[in-house]
PDB file of N, CA and C in Angstrom:
ATOM      1  N   UNK A   1       9.145 -64.552 -44.163  1.00  0.00           N
ATOM      2  CA  UNK A   1       8.472 -63.273 -44.154  1.00  0.00           C
ATOM      3  C   UNK A   1       9.040 -62.450 -43.003  1.00  0.00           C
ATOM      4  N   UNK A   2       9.701 -61.384 -43.349  1.00  0.00           N
ATOM      5  CA  UNK A   2      10.358 -60.573 -42.344  1.00  0.00           C
ATOM      6  C   UNK A   2       9.653 -59.229 -42.228  1.00  0.00           C
ATOM      7  N   UNK A   3       9.378 -58.786 -40.996  1.00  0.00           N
ATOM      8  CA  UNK A   3       8.731 -57.503 -40.769  1.00  0.00           C
ATOM      9  C   UNK A   3       9.669 -56.621 -39.964  1.00  0.00           C
ATOM     10  N   UNK A   4       9.799 -55.386 -40.370  1.00  0.00           N
ATOM     11  CA  UNK A   4      10.653 -54.505 -39.598  1.00  0.00           C
ATOM     12  C   UNK A   4       9.881 -53.944 -38.404  1.00  0.00           C
ATOM     13  N   UNK A   5      10.601 -53.346 -37.461  1.00  0.00           N
ATOM     14  CA  UNK A   5       9.999 -52.916 -36.198  1.00  0.00           C
ATOM     15  C   UNK A   5       8.984 -51.790 -36.402  1.00  0.00           C
ATOM     16  N   UNK A   6       9.141 -50.967 -37.414  1.00  0.00           N
ATOM     17  CA  UNK A   6       8.176 -49.886 -37.645  1.00  0.00           C
ATOM     18  C   UNK A   6       6.819 -50.434 -38.062  1.00  0.00           C
ATOM     19  N   UNK A   7       6.813 -51.489 -38.875  1.00  0.00           N
ATOM     20  CA  UNK A   7       5.539 -52.099 -39.276  1.00  0.00           C
ATOM     21  C   UNK A   7       4.849 -52.737 -38.076  1.00  0.00           C
ATOM     22  N   UNK A   8       5.635 -53.430 -37.253  1.00  0.00           N
ATOM     23  CA  UNK A   8       5.071 -54.081 -36.060  1.00  0.00           C
ATOM     24  C   UNK A   8       4.510 -53.022 -35.119  1.00  0.00           C
ATOM     25  N   UNK A   9       5.242 -51.926 -34.937  1.00  0.00           N
ATOM     26  CA  UNK A   9       4.771 -50.862 -34.052  1.00  0.00           C
ATOM     27  C   UNK A   9       3.493 -50.239 -34.603  1.00  0.00           C
ATOM     28  N   UNK A  10       3.399 -50.067 -35.910  1.00  0.00           N
ATOM     29  CA  UNK A  10       2.198 -49.511 -36.509  1.00  0.00           C
ATOM     30  C   UNK A  10       0.997 -50.408 -36.325  1.00  0.00           C
ATOM     31  N   UNK A  11       1.199 -51.695 -36.506  1.00  0.00           N
ATOM     32  CA  UNK A  11       0.101 -52.652 -36.342  1.00  0.00           C
ATOM     33  C   UNK A  11      -0.348 -52.694 -34.886  1.00  0.00           C
ATOM     34  N   UNK A  12       0.606 -52.750 -33.957  1.00  0.00           N
ATOM     35  CA  UNK A  12       0.256 -52.783 -32.541  1.00  0.00           C
ATOM     36  C   UNK A  12      -0.432 -51.472 -32.120  1.00  0.00           C
ATOM     37  N   UNK A  13       0.025 -50.352 -32.651  1.00  0.00           N
ATOM     38  CA  UNK A  13      -0.611 -49.071 -32.349  1.00  0.00           C
ATOM     39  C   UNK A  13      -2.045 -49.029 -32.838  1.00  0.00           C
ATOM     40  N   UNK A  14      -2.286 -49.569 -34.032  1.00  0.00           N
ATOM     41  CA  UNK A  14      -3.644 -49.597 -34.569  1.00  0.00           C
ATOM     42  C   UNK A  14      -4.544 -50.495 -33.714  1.00  0.00           C
ATOM     43  N   UNK A  15      -4.008 -51.614 -33.262  1.00  0.00           N
ATOM     44  CA  UNK A  15      -4.794 -52.530 -32.419  1.00  0.00           C
ATOM     45  C   UNK A  15      -5.138 -51.857 -31.097  1.00  0.00           C
ATOM     46  N   UNK A  16      -4.167 -51.190 -30.481  1.00  0.00           N
ATOM     47  CA  UNK A  16      -4.410 -50.512 -29.203  1.00  0.00           C
ATOM     48  C   UNK A  16      -5.430 -49.393 -29.394  1.00  0.00           C
ATOM     49  N   UNK A  17      -5.320 -48.627 -30.481  1.00  0.00           N
ATOM     50  CA  UNK A  17      -6.268 -47.551 -30.738  1.00  0.00           C
ATOM     51  C   UNK A  17      -7.682 -48.102 -30.926  1.00  0.00           C
ATOM     52  N   UNK A  18      -7.801 -49.219 -31.638  1.00  0.00           N
ATOM     53  CA  UNK A  18      -9.117 -49.821 -31.847  1.00  0.00           C
ATOM     54  C   UNK A  18      -9.724 -50.288 -30.527  1.00  0.00           C
ATOM     55  N   UNK A  19      -8.909 -50.889 -29.673  1.00  0.00           N
ATOM     56  CA  UNK A  19      -9.404 -51.366 -28.374  1.00  0.00           C
ATOM     57  C   UNK A  19      -9.855 -50.177 -27.519  1.00  0.00           C
ATOM     58  N   UNK A  20      -9.087 -49.098 -27.516  1.00  0.00           N
ATOM     59  CA  UNK A  20      -9.460 -47.916 -26.736  1.00  0.00           C
ATOM     60  C   UNK A  20     -10.772 -47.324 -27.247  1.00  0.00           C
ATOM     61  N   UNK A  21     -10.948 -47.258 -28.559  1.00  0.00           N
ATOM     62  CA  UNK A  21     -12.198 -46.729 -29.106  1.00  0.00           C
ATOM     63  C   UNK A  21     -13.391 -47.614 -28.739  1.00  0.00           C
ATOM     64  N   UNK A  22     -13.215 -48.920 -28.795  1.00  0.00           N
ATOM     65  CA  UNK A  22     -14.313 -49.825 -28.435  1.00  0.00           C
ATOM     66  C   UNK A  22     -14.689 -49.634 -26.972  1.00  0.00           C
ATOM     67  N   UNK A  23     -13.695 -49.528 -26.096  1.00  0.00           N
ATOM     68  CA  UNK A  23     -13.973 -49.328 -24.672  1.00  0.00           C
ATOM     69  C   UNK A  23     -14.666 -47.987 -24.449  1.00  0.00           C
ATOM     70  N   UNK A  24     -14.245 -46.959 -25.180  1.00  0.00           N
ATOM     71  CA  UNK A  24     -14.870 -45.641 -25.032  1.00  0.00           C
ATOM     72  C   UNK A  24     -16.334 -45.688 -25.456  1.00  0.00           C
ATOM     73  N   UNK A  25     -16.650 -46.389 -26.521  1.00  0.00           N
ATOM     74  CA  UNK A  25     -18.036 -46.481 -26.960  1.00  0.00           C
ATOM     75  C   UNK A  25     -18.876 -47.322 -26.011  1.00  0.00           C
ATOM     76  N   UNK A  26     -18.275 -48.328 -25.397  1.00  0.00           N
ATOM     77  CA  UNK A  26     -19.036 -49.187 -24.484  1.00  0.00           C
ATOM     78  C   UNK A  26     -19.384 -48.430 -23.207  1.00  0.00           C
ATOM     79  N   UNK A  27     -18.443 -47.668 -22.665  1.00  0.00           N
ATOM     80  CA  UNK A  27     -18.660 -47.022 -21.372  1.00  0.00           C
ATOM     81  C   UNK A  27     -19.229 -45.604 -21.473  1.00  0.00           C
ATOM     82  N   UNK A  28     -19.400 -45.062 -22.664  1.00  0.00           N
ATOM     83  CA  UNK A  28     -19.944 -43.723 -22.815  1.00  0.00           C
ATOM     84  C   UNK A  28     -21.383 -43.817 -23.284  1.00  0.00           C
ATOM     85  N   UNK A  29     -22.326 -43.247 -22.505  1.00  0.00           N
ATOM     86  CA  UNK A  29     -23.718 -43.266 -22.959  1.00  0.00           C
ATOM     87  C   UNK A  29     -23.902 -42.352 -24.158  1.00  0.00           C
ATOM     88  N   UNK A  30     -24.573 -42.856 -25.173  1.00  0.00           N
ATOM     89  CA  UNK A  30     -24.765 -42.102 -26.410  1.00  0.00           C
ATOM     90  C   UNK A  30     -26.259 -41.911 -26.634  1.00  0.00           C
ATOM     91  N   UNK A  31     -26.648 -40.691 -26.954  1.00  0.00           N
ATOM     92  CA  UNK A  31     -28.035 -40.425 -27.306  1.00  0.00           C
ATOM     93  C   UNK A  31     -28.936 -40.246 -26.115  1.00  0.00           C
ATOM     94  N   UNK A  32     -30.258 -40.194 -26.370  1.00  0.00           N
ATOM     95  CA  UNK A  32     -31.203 -39.939 -25.277  1.00  0.00           C
ATOM     96  C   UNK A  32     -31.326 -41.102 -24.305  1.00  0.00           C
ATOM     97  N   UNK A  33     -30.909 -42.294 -24.699  1.00  0.00           N
ATOM     98  CA  UNK A  33     -31.007 -43.438 -23.790  1.00  0.00           C
ATOM     99  C   UNK A  33     -30.033 -43.275 -22.633  1.00  0.00           C
ATOM    100  N   UNK A  34     -28.851 -42.740 -22.913  1.00  0.00           N
ATOM    101  CA  UNK A  34     -27.836 -42.599 -21.882  1.00  0.00           C
ATOM    102  C   UNK A  34     -28.042 -41.427 -20.954  1.00  0.00           C
ATOM    103  N   UNK A  35     -28.921 -40.484 -21.316  1.00  0.00           N
ATOM    104  CA  UNK A  35     -29.125 -39.303 -20.479  1.00  0.00           C
ATOM    105  C   UNK A  35     -29.991 -39.656 -19.286  1.00  0.00           C
ATOM    106  N   UNK A  36     -29.641 -39.078 -18.153  1.00  0.00           N
ATOM    107  CA  UNK A  36     -30.429 -39.341 -16.952  1.00  0.00           C
ATOM    108  C   UNK A  36     -31.716 -38.523 -16.998  1.00  0.00           C
ATOM    109  N   UNK A  37     -32.751 -39.037 -16.374  1.00  0.00           N
ATOM    110  CA  UNK A  37     -34.028 -38.345 -16.343  1.00  0.00           C
ATOM    111  C   UNK A  37     -33.946 -37.171 -15.378  1.00  0.00           C
ATOM    112  N   UNK A  38     -34.568 -36.055 -15.737  1.00  0.00           N
ATOM    113  CA  UNK A  38     -34.564 -34.896 -14.860  1.00  0.00           C
ATOM    114  C   UNK A  38     -35.566 -35.129 -13.735  1.00  0.00           C
ATOM    115  N   UNK A  39     -35.201 -34.745 -12.510  1.00  0.00           N
ATOM    116  CA  UNK A  39     -36.151 -34.927 -11.396  1.00  0.00           C
ATOM    117  C   UNK A  39     -37.342 -33.982 -11.547  1.00  0.00           C
ATOM    118  N   UNK A  40     -38.505 -34.416 -11.058  1.00  0.00           N
ATOM    119  CA  UNK A  40     -39.721 -33.622 -11.176  1.00  0.00           C
ATOM    120  C   UNK A  40     -39.614 -32.351 -10.342  1.00  0.00           C
ATOM    121  N   UNK A  41     -39.103 -32.471  -9.113  1.00  0.00           N
ATOM    122  CA  UNK A  41     -38.930 -31.312  -8.248  1.00  0.00           C
ATOM    123  C   UNK A  41     -37.505 -31.288  -7.746  1.00  0.00           C
ATOM    124  N   UNK A  42     -37.008 -30.089  -7.645  1.00  0.00           N
ATOM    125  CA  UNK A  42     -35.648 -29.937  -7.147  1.00  0.00           C
ATOM    126  C   UNK A  42     -35.725 -29.625  -5.658  1.00  0.00           C
ATOM    127  N   UNK A  43     -35.093 -30.464  -4.849  1.00  0.00           N
ATOM    128  CA  UNK A  43     -35.100 -30.259  -3.407  1.00  0.00           C
ATOM    129  C   UNK A  43     -33.831 -29.497  -3.050  1.00  0.00           C
ATOM    130  N   UNK A  44     -34.019 -28.326  -2.431  1.00  0.00           N
ATOM    131  CA  UNK A  44     -32.864 -27.521  -2.062  1.00  0.00           C
ATOM    132  C   UNK A  44     -32.400 -27.888  -0.665  1.00  0.00           C
ATOM    133  N   UNK A  45     -31.097 -27.966  -0.513  1.00  0.00           N
ATOM    134  CA  UNK A  45     -30.504 -28.263   0.785  1.00  0.00           C
ATOM    135  C   UNK A  45     -30.484 -26.981   1.619  1.00  0.00           C
ATOM    136  N   UNK A  46     -30.741 -27.081   2.928  1.00  0.00           N
ATOM    137  CA  UNK A  46     -30.639 -25.885   3.768  1.00  0.00           C
ATOM    138  C   UNK A  46     -29.176 -25.433   3.843  1.00  0.00           C
ATOM    139  N   UNK A  47     -28.993 -24.117   3.934  1.00  0.00           N
ATOM    140  CA  UNK A  47     -27.640 -23.566   3.968  1.00  0.00           C
ATOM    141  C   UNK A  47     -26.942 -23.972   5.262  1.00  0.00           C
ATOM    142  N   UNK A  48     -25.685 -24.312   5.147  1.00  0.00           N
ATOM    143  CA  UNK A  48     -24.900 -24.688   6.315  1.00  0.00           C
ATOM    144  C   UNK A  48     -24.515 -23.420   7.078  1.00  0.00           C
ATOM    145  N   UNK A  49     -24.587 -23.453   8.420  1.00  0.00           N
ATOM    146  CA  UNK A  49     -24.171 -22.272   9.181  1.00  0.00           C
ATOM    147  C   UNK A  49     -22.656 -22.068   9.044  1.00  0.00           C
ATOM    148  N   UNK A  50     -22.259 -20.794   8.984  1.00  0.00           N
ATOM    149  CA  UNK A  50     -20.848 -20.479   8.830  1.00  0.00           C
ATOM    150  C   UNK A  50     -20.190 -20.541  10.195  1.00  0.00           C
ATOM    151  N   UNK A  51     -19.102 -21.291  10.286  1.00  0.00           N
ATOM    152  CA  UNK A  51     -18.387 -21.448  11.549  1.00  0.00           C
ATOM    153  C   UNK A  51     -17.577 -20.185  11.829  1.00  0.00           C
ATOM    154  N   UNK A  52     -17.515 -19.753  13.095  1.00  0.00           N
ATOM    155  CA  UNK A  52     -16.710 -18.575  13.424  1.00  0.00           C
ATOM    156  C   UNK A  52     -15.225 -18.885  13.214  1.00  0.00           C
ATOM    157  N   UNK A  53     -14.418 -17.871  12.947  1.00  0.00           N
ATOM    158  CA  UNK A  53     -12.989 -18.131  12.741  1.00  0.00           C
ATOM    159  C   UNK A  53     -12.360 -18.669  14.020  1.00  0.00           C
ATOM    160  N   UNK A  54     -11.342 -19.479  13.851  1.00  0.00           N
ATOM    161  CA  UNK A  54     -10.696 -20.093  15.010  1.00  0.00           C
ATOM    162  C   UNK A  54      -9.968 -19.028  15.835  1.00  0.00           C
ATOM    163  N   UNK A  55      -9.744 -19.349  17.097  1.00  0.00           N
ATOM    164  CA  UNK A  55      -9.078 -18.419  18.010  1.00  0.00           C
ATOM    165  C   UNK A  55      -7.640 -18.196  17.544  1.00  0.00           C
ATOM    166  N   UNK A  56      -7.107 -16.977  17.736  1.00  0.00           N
ATOM    167  CA  UNK A  56      -5.726 -16.724  17.305  1.00  0.00           C
ATOM    168  C   UNK A  56      -4.742 -17.559  18.122  1.00  0.00           C
ATOM    169  N   UNK A  57      -3.708 -17.958  17.458  1.00  0.00           N
ATOM    170  CA  UNK A  57      -2.694 -18.776  18.123  1.00  0.00           C
ATOM    171  C   UNK A  57      -1.645 -17.875  18.753  1.00  0.00           C
ATOM    172  N   UNK A  58      -0.718 -18.499  19.465  1.00  0.00           N
ATOM    173  CA  UNK A  58       0.353 -17.766  20.136  1.00  0.00           C
ATOM    174  C   UNK A  58       1.334 -17.162  19.150  1.00  0.00           C
ATOM    175  N   UNK A  59       2.329 -16.445  19.653  1.00  0.00           N
ATOM    176  CA  UNK A  59       3.306 -15.788  18.755  1.00  0.00           C
ATOM    177  C   UNK A  59       4.133 -16.809  17.986  1.00  0.00           C
ATOM    178  N   UNK A  60       4.512 -16.424  16.792  1.00  0.00           N
ATOM    179  CA  UNK A  60       5.342 -17.287  15.947  1.00  0.00           C
ATOM    180  C   UNK A  60       6.782 -16.820  16.065  1.00  0.00           C
ATOM    181  N   UNK A  61       7.689 -17.723  16.454  1.00  0.00           N
ATOM    182  CA  UNK A  61       9.102 -17.385  16.587  1.00  0.00           C
ATOM    183  C   UNK A  61       9.755 -17.597  15.231  1.00  0.00           C
ATOM    184  N   UNK A  62      10.220 -16.517  14.618  1.00  0.00           N
ATOM    185  CA  UNK A  62      10.824 -16.612  13.293  1.00  0.00           C
ATOM    186  C   UNK A  62      12.308 -16.887  13.382  1.00  0.00           C
ATOM    187  N   UNK A  63      12.983 -16.272  14.343  1.00  0.00           N
ATOM    188  CA  UNK A  63      14.420 -16.475  14.495  1.00  0.00           C
ATOM    189  C   UNK A  63      14.689 -16.995  15.897  1.00  0.00           C
ATOM    190  N   UNK A  64      15.606 -17.945  15.973  1.00  0.00           N
ATOM    191  CA  UNK A  64      15.986 -18.482  17.273  1.00  0.00           C
ATOM    192  C   UNK A  64      17.325 -17.870  17.649  1.00  0.00           C
ATOM    193  N   UNK A  65      17.416 -17.187  18.792  1.00  0.00           N
ATOM    194  CA  UNK A  65      18.703 -16.604  19.180  1.00  0.00           C
ATOM    195  C   UNK A  65      19.728 -17.687  19.487  1.00  0.00           C
ATOM    196  N   UNK A  66      20.973 -17.386  19.191  1.00  0.00           N
ATOM    197  CA  UNK A  66      22.037 -18.377  19.400  1.00  0.00           C
ATOM    198  C   UNK A  66      22.677 -18.222  20.742  1.00  0.00           C
TER     199      UNK A  66
END
């Protein structure tokens, strides 16, 4: 029984696709069971103070004289 490489590649591709789909279904929550419960109250974080801009740096030398 001889199989050419295209048949083998097709079979292996189908196996890999099936494994990927099974893993996707296992790790993906489906339906209302997978949804997280909404919190009763939303706690707001206090706003972070804005930092002042940093002090200006010294001059930038663009060309070095020879």
